[in-house]
Amino acid sequence: MKTYSFGNTIVLIQGQEITEWDEGDDTINIERRADSAIDVMTNDGLMVVALSTNKSGVFSLRLMQTSASNAFLNGLLNAQENGVFTPTFCQFKDTRGKDLASGTQGYIRKAPPMARGAGLNSQLWEIVVERLDLILGGA
């Protein structure tokens, strides 16, 4: 029998663990921005495949508005916007399973929108990385 628990997942940004995630099944979304290959069919029925060298990706992280990690990420964004740019490194690991994602040479796309009301809201942070390596190993 295979099992999964969100409690066994870790996300590190610049070596700091991100905490206080929003609820739901998609609080962490990591994906490549481009297809690995594209094809063209010739008039005589042959396929030509172009392999992409684009390995860029996006880490989308949804945190509770009360998460201390918002202040950490906001500090990185403020430094980036004020000329103290340090490329961002991101890592995801499922410590029980074999899934792993590593992103290098990244930046924070923009500040998340701020919504406040009677309940709790989430903050969506997007970090774009120049190279995203994924290992989808399963549990």
Protein backbone atom coordinates (compact mmCIF):
# COMPACT_ATOMS: atom_id res chain seq x y z
CA MET A 1 0.00 0.00 0.00
CA LYS A 2 1.26 3.46 -0.87
CA THR A 3 0.59 6.53 1.28
CA TYR A 4 1.06 10.28 1.04
CA SER A 5 0.96 13.04 3.64
CA PHE A 6 1.40 16.76 3.07
CA GLY A 7 3.22 16.72 6.40
CA ASN A 8 6.09 14.97 4.60
CA THR A 9 6.63 17.76 2.08
CA ILE A 10 9.26 20.46 2.43
CA VAL A 11 9.75 23.60 0.34
CA LEU A 12 12.96 25.57 0.74
CA ILE A 13 13.54 29.03 -0.71
CA GLN A 14 17.11 30.28 -0.35
CA GLY A 15 17.53 27.48 2.21
CA GLN A 16 14.65 28.65 4.43
CA GLU A 17 11.69 26.34 4.96
CA ILE A 18 8.34 27.79 3.87
CA THR A 19 5.54 27.19 6.38
CA GLU A 20 1.85 27.84 7.13
CA TRP A 21 0.32 26.66 3.88
CA ASP A 22 -3.22 27.40 2.74
CA GLU A 23 -5.69 24.52 2.66
CA GLY A 24 -6.53 22.50 -0.44
CA ASP A 25 -5.01 20.04 -2.86
CA ASP A 26 -3.02 22.56 -4.91
CA THR A 27 -1.13 24.71 -2.41
CA ILE A 28 2.13 23.78 -4.15
CA ASN A 29 2.21 23.73 -7.94
CA ILE A 30 5.49 23.24 -9.79
CA GLU A 31 5.57 23.11 -13.57
CA ARG A 32 7.69 23.69 -16.63
CA ARG A 33 6.84 26.71 -18.75
CA ALA A 34 7.50 25.05 -22.11
CA ASP A 35 6.92 21.72 -23.77
CA SER A 36 9.93 19.39 -23.80
CA ALA A 37 9.47 18.84 -27.54
CA ILE A 38 7.34 20.01 -30.44
CA ASP A 39 6.66 18.30 -33.74
CA VAL A 40 5.86 19.18 -37.33
CA MET A 41 4.40 16.76 -39.85
CA THR A 42 5.84 17.00 -43.34
CA ASN A 43 3.66 16.78 -46.45
CA ASP A 44 4.93 13.27 -47.09
CA GLY A 45 3.76 12.04 -43.65
CA LEU A 46 7.02 12.17 -41.71
CA MET A 47 7.28 13.71 -38.27
CA VAL A 48 10.14 16.02 -37.35
CA VAL A 49 10.66 16.62 -33.63
CA ALA A 50 12.43 19.64 -32.17
CA LEU A 51 13.73 19.07 -28.66
CA SER A 52 13.53 22.14 -26.45
CA THR A 53 16.43 23.44 -24.43
CA ASN A 54 13.99 25.54 -22.39
CA LYS A 55 13.93 23.99 -18.91
CA SER A 56 12.44 27.04 -17.15
CA GLY A 57 9.64 26.59 -14.67
CA VAL A 58 7.39 28.15 -12.05
CA PHE A 59 6.93 27.38 -8.38
CA SER A 60 3.44 28.55 -7.31
CA LEU A 61 3.07 28.57 -3.53
CA ARG A 62 -0.20 29.40 -1.74
CA LEU A 63 0.27 30.47 1.88
CA MET A 64 -2.14 31.61 4.57
CA GLN A 65 -2.24 35.39 5.05
CA THR A 66 -0.90 34.79 8.59
CA SER A 67 2.19 32.85 7.43
CA ALA A 68 5.53 34.24 8.55
CA SER A 69 6.89 33.04 5.20
CA ASN A 70 5.00 35.93 3.53
CA ALA A 71 7.33 38.39 5.28
CA PHE A 72 10.39 36.38 4.19
CA LEU A 73 9.27 36.25 0.54
CA ASN A 74 8.26 39.92 0.65
CA GLY A 75 11.77 40.76 1.88
CA LEU A 76 13.27 38.92 -1.11
CA LEU A 77 10.90 40.79 -3.44
CA ASN A 78 11.75 44.18 -1.87
CA ALA A 79 15.47 43.51 -2.31
CA GLN A 80 14.87 42.46 -5.92
CA GLU A 81 12.85 45.61 -6.66
CA ASN A 82 15.44 47.86 -4.99
CA GLY A 83 18.43 46.70 -7.00
CA VAL A 84 19.78 44.04 -4.61
CA PHE A 85 18.93 41.14 -6.89
CA THR A 86 20.05 37.70 -5.77
CA PRO A 87 18.88 34.80 -7.95
CA THR A 88 16.40 32.64 -6.06
CA PHE A 89 16.90 28.92 -5.44
CA CYS A 90 13.83 26.72 -4.76
CA GLN A 91 13.58 23.10 -3.70
CA PHE A 92 10.63 20.76 -3.08
CA LYS A 93 10.94 17.33 -1.52
CA ASP A 94 8.46 14.70 -0.47
CA THR A 95 10.41 13.09 2.38
CA ARG A 96 8.24 9.94 2.30
CA GLY A 97 7.99 9.52 -1.45
CA LYS A 98 10.53 10.08 -4.15
CA ASP A 99 9.27 13.35 -5.67
CA LEU A 100 11.83 16.13 -5.94
CA ALA A 101 11.92 19.50 -7.70
CA SER A 102 14.84 21.87 -7.86
CA GLY A 103 14.78 25.34 -9.40
CA THR A 104 17.78 27.58 -9.91
CA GLN A 105 18.43 31.15 -11.00
CA GLY A 106 14.93 32.40 -10.20
CA TYR A 107 13.06 35.58 -9.40
CA ILE A 108 9.76 36.48 -7.76
CA ARG A 109 7.30 37.47 -10.49
CA LYS A 110 5.29 40.01 -8.45
CA ALA A 111 3.77 40.65 -5.05
CA PRO A 112 0.63 38.59 -4.45
CA PRO A 113 -2.70 40.42 -4.42
CA MET A 114 -3.88 41.37 -0.95
CA ALA A 115 -7.47 40.46 -0.09
CA ARG A 116 -8.82 40.81 3.43
CA GLY A 117 -12.26 40.20 4.88
CA ALA A 118 -14.09 38.40 7.66
CA GLY A 119 -12.29 35.09 7.01
CA LEU A 120 -8.78 34.03 6.17
CA ASN A 121 -7.29 34.51 2.73
CA SER A 122 -4.31 33.11 0.89
CA GLN A 123 -1.27 34.71 -0.67
CA LEU A 124 -0.08 33.25 -4.00
CA TRP A 125 3.65 33.61 -4.62
CA GLU A 126 5.12 32.73 -8.01
CA ILE A 127 8.81 32.15 -8.45
CA VAL A 128 10.06 31.76 -12.02
CA VAL A 129 13.26 29.74 -12.38
CA GLU A 130 15.67 29.49 -15.28
CA ARG A 131 16.06 25.75 -14.84
CA LEU A 132 13.57 23.36 -13.24
CA ASP A 133 14.60 19.76 -12.67
CA LEU A 134 11.78 17.39 -11.73
CA ILE A 135 11.88 13.85 -10.44
CA LEU A 136 8.40 12.35 -10.25
CA GLY A 137 9.17 9.20 -8.35
CA GLY A 138 5.85 8.38 -6.77
CA ALA A 139 5.33 7.18 -3.22
